[in-house]
Amino acid sequence: MNLHEKCLLRYLQNPDELDYSTEVLKLNNLILEKQFILKNISLDADIFEYAEV
């Protein structure tokens, strides 16, 4: 079960905790976005700098 499924299950069991689950999902998405940027865009910048030399 991934994080999104856990949040959905938590909401279905306790609808009052929707705010908490939403914040967890936002934080998870932010972490995934930063990891993507670090892995892909930083690597592309290194390749670009190397090509200029």
N, C-alpha and C. Protein backbone atom coordinates (compact mmCIF):
# COMPACT_ATOMS: atom_id res chain seq x y z
N MET A 1 0.86 -1.18 0.00
CA MET A 1 0.00 0.00 0.00
C MET A 1 0.90 1.24 0.00
N ASN A 2 0.69 2.13 -0.95
CA ASN A 2 1.51 3.33 -1.00
C ASN A 2 0.91 4.45 -0.15
N LEU A 3 1.60 5.57 -0.10
CA LEU A 3 1.20 6.67 0.76
C LEU A 3 -0.18 7.21 0.39
N HIS A 4 -0.47 7.32 -0.90
CA HIS A 4 -1.77 7.85 -1.34
C HIS A 4 -2.90 6.92 -0.91
N GLU A 5 -2.68 5.63 -1.01
CA GLU A 5 -3.70 4.66 -0.58
C GLU A 5 -3.91 4.73 0.93
N LYS A 6 -2.83 4.91 1.67
CA LYS A 6 -2.95 5.02 3.13
C LYS A 6 -3.74 6.25 3.51
N CYS A 7 -3.48 7.37 2.81
CA CYS A 7 -4.22 8.59 3.12
C CYS A 7 -5.71 8.44 2.77
N LEU A 8 -6.00 7.81 1.66
CA LEU A 8 -7.39 7.58 1.29
C LEU A 8 -8.08 6.69 2.31
N LEU A 9 -7.42 5.63 2.70
CA LEU A 9 -7.99 4.73 3.71
C LEU A 9 -8.22 5.47 5.02
N ARG A 10 -7.26 6.28 5.42
CA ARG A 10 -7.40 7.05 6.66
C ARG A 10 -8.61 7.98 6.57
N TYR A 11 -8.78 8.62 5.40
CA TYR A 11 -9.91 9.52 5.23
C TYR A 11 -11.24 8.76 5.30
N LEU A 12 -11.29 7.61 4.66
CA LEU A 12 -12.53 6.83 4.69
C LEU A 12 -12.88 6.37 6.09
N GLN A 13 -11.85 6.08 6.88
CA GLN A 13 -12.09 5.63 8.26
C GLN A 13 -12.37 6.81 9.19
N ASN A 14 -11.72 7.95 8.94
CA ASN A 14 -11.85 9.13 9.81
C ASN A 14 -11.94 10.39 8.95
N PRO A 15 -13.12 10.72 8.45
CA PRO A 15 -13.24 11.88 7.56
C PRO A 15 -12.79 13.20 8.19
N ASP A 16 -12.77 13.27 9.51
CA ASP A 16 -12.34 14.50 10.18
C ASP A 16 -10.85 14.76 10.00
N GLU A 17 -10.10 13.77 9.61
CA GLU A 17 -8.66 13.92 9.45
C GLU A 17 -8.26 14.27 8.02
N LEU A 18 -9.17 14.78 7.24
CA LEU A 18 -8.87 15.11 5.85
C LEU A 18 -7.75 16.15 5.74
N ASP A 19 -7.77 17.16 6.61
CA ASP A 19 -6.72 18.18 6.58
C ASP A 19 -5.35 17.57 6.79
N TYR A 20 -5.24 16.68 7.75
CA TYR A 20 -3.95 16.03 8.03
C TYR A 20 -3.49 15.22 6.83
N SER A 21 -4.40 14.42 6.28
CA SER A 21 -4.04 13.59 5.13
C SER A 21 -3.63 14.43 3.93
N THR A 22 -4.31 15.55 3.73
CA THR A 22 -3.98 16.44 2.63
C THR A 22 -2.58 17.02 2.81
N GLU A 23 -2.24 17.40 4.02
CA GLU A 23 -0.91 17.95 4.29
C GLU A 23 0.17 16.89 4.08
N VAL A 24 -0.10 15.66 4.45
CA VAL A 24 0.86 14.58 4.24
C VAL A 24 1.08 14.38 2.74
N LEU A 25 0.02 14.40 1.96
CA LEU A 25 0.15 14.25 0.51
C LEU A 25 0.92 15.41 -0.11
N LYS A 26 0.65 16.63 0.34
CA LYS A 26 1.38 17.78 -0.17
C LYS A 26 2.88 17.65 0.12
N LEU A 27 3.20 17.25 1.34
CA LEU A 27 4.60 17.09 1.71
C LEU A 27 5.26 15.99 0.88
N ASN A 28 4.56 14.89 0.70
CA ASN A 28 5.09 13.79 -0.11
C ASN A 28 5.33 14.24 -1.56
N ASN A 29 4.40 14.98 -2.12
CA ASN A 29 4.56 15.47 -3.49
C ASN A 29 5.73 16.44 -3.60
N LEU A 30 5.92 17.28 -2.59
CA LEU A 30 7.04 18.21 -2.59
C LEU A 30 8.37 17.46 -2.56
N ILE A 31 8.45 16.45 -1.74
CA ILE A 31 9.67 15.63 -1.66
C ILE A 31 9.94 14.95 -2.99
N LEU A 32 8.92 14.37 -3.60
CA LEU A 32 9.09 13.72 -4.90
C LEU A 32 9.53 14.72 -5.97
N GLU A 33 8.96 15.92 -5.94
CA GLU A 33 9.33 16.94 -6.92
C GLU A 33 10.79 17.35 -6.76
N LYS A 34 11.23 17.54 -5.52
CA LYS A 34 12.63 17.93 -5.28
C LYS A 34 13.58 16.81 -5.68
N GLN A 35 13.21 15.58 -5.41
CA GLN A 35 14.06 14.46 -5.82
C GLN A 35 14.17 14.40 -7.34
N PHE A 36 13.08 14.63 -8.03
CA PHE A 36 13.08 14.63 -9.50
C PHE A 36 14.01 15.72 -10.03
N ILE A 37 13.89 16.90 -9.44
CA ILE A 37 14.73 18.01 -9.88
C ILE A 37 16.20 17.70 -9.64
N LEU A 38 16.50 17.19 -8.46
CA LEU A 38 17.90 16.88 -8.15
C LEU A 38 18.47 15.82 -9.08
N LYS A 39 17.68 14.82 -9.39
CA LYS A 39 18.17 13.72 -10.23
C LYS A 39 18.25 14.10 -11.70
N ASN A 40 17.28 14.84 -12.20
CA ASN A 40 17.18 15.09 -13.64
C ASN A 40 17.73 16.45 -14.07
N ILE A 41 17.30 17.49 -13.45
CA ILE A 41 17.71 18.82 -13.90
C ILE A 41 19.15 19.10 -13.51
N SER A 42 19.57 18.72 -12.33
CA SER A 42 20.96 18.93 -11.93
C SER A 42 21.89 18.14 -12.83
N LEU A 43 21.52 16.94 -13.18
CA LEU A 43 22.33 16.12 -14.07
C LEU A 43 22.44 16.78 -15.44
N ASP A 44 21.33 17.32 -15.94
CA ASP A 44 21.34 18.01 -17.23
C ASP A 44 22.26 19.23 -17.19
N ALA A 45 22.27 19.96 -16.09
CA ALA A 45 23.12 21.15 -15.95
C ALA A 45 24.59 20.74 -15.96
N ASP A 46 24.93 19.65 -15.31
CA ASP A 46 26.31 19.16 -15.30
C ASP A 46 26.75 18.79 -16.70
N ILE A 47 25.89 18.13 -17.45
CA ILE A 47 26.22 17.73 -18.82
C ILE A 47 26.42 18.97 -19.69
N PHE A 48 25.58 19.98 -19.50
CA PHE A 48 25.67 21.22 -20.27
C PHE A 48 26.99 21.92 -19.98
N GLU A 49 27.36 22.03 -18.70
CA GLU A 49 28.60 22.69 -18.33
C GLU A 49 29.79 21.94 -18.90
N TYR A 50 29.76 20.63 -18.90
CA TYR A 50 30.84 19.82 -19.42
C TYR A 50 30.99 20.00 -20.93
N ALA A 51 29.87 20.15 -21.61
CA ALA A 51 29.89 20.30 -23.06
C ALA A 51 30.49 21.64 -23.47
N GLU A 52 30.36 22.66 -22.64
CA GLU A 52 30.88 23.98 -22.96
C GLU A 52 32.40 24.04 -22.86
N VAL A 53 32.99 23.20 -22.04
CA VAL A 53 34.44 23.28 -21.79
C VAL A 53 35.24 22.80 -22.96
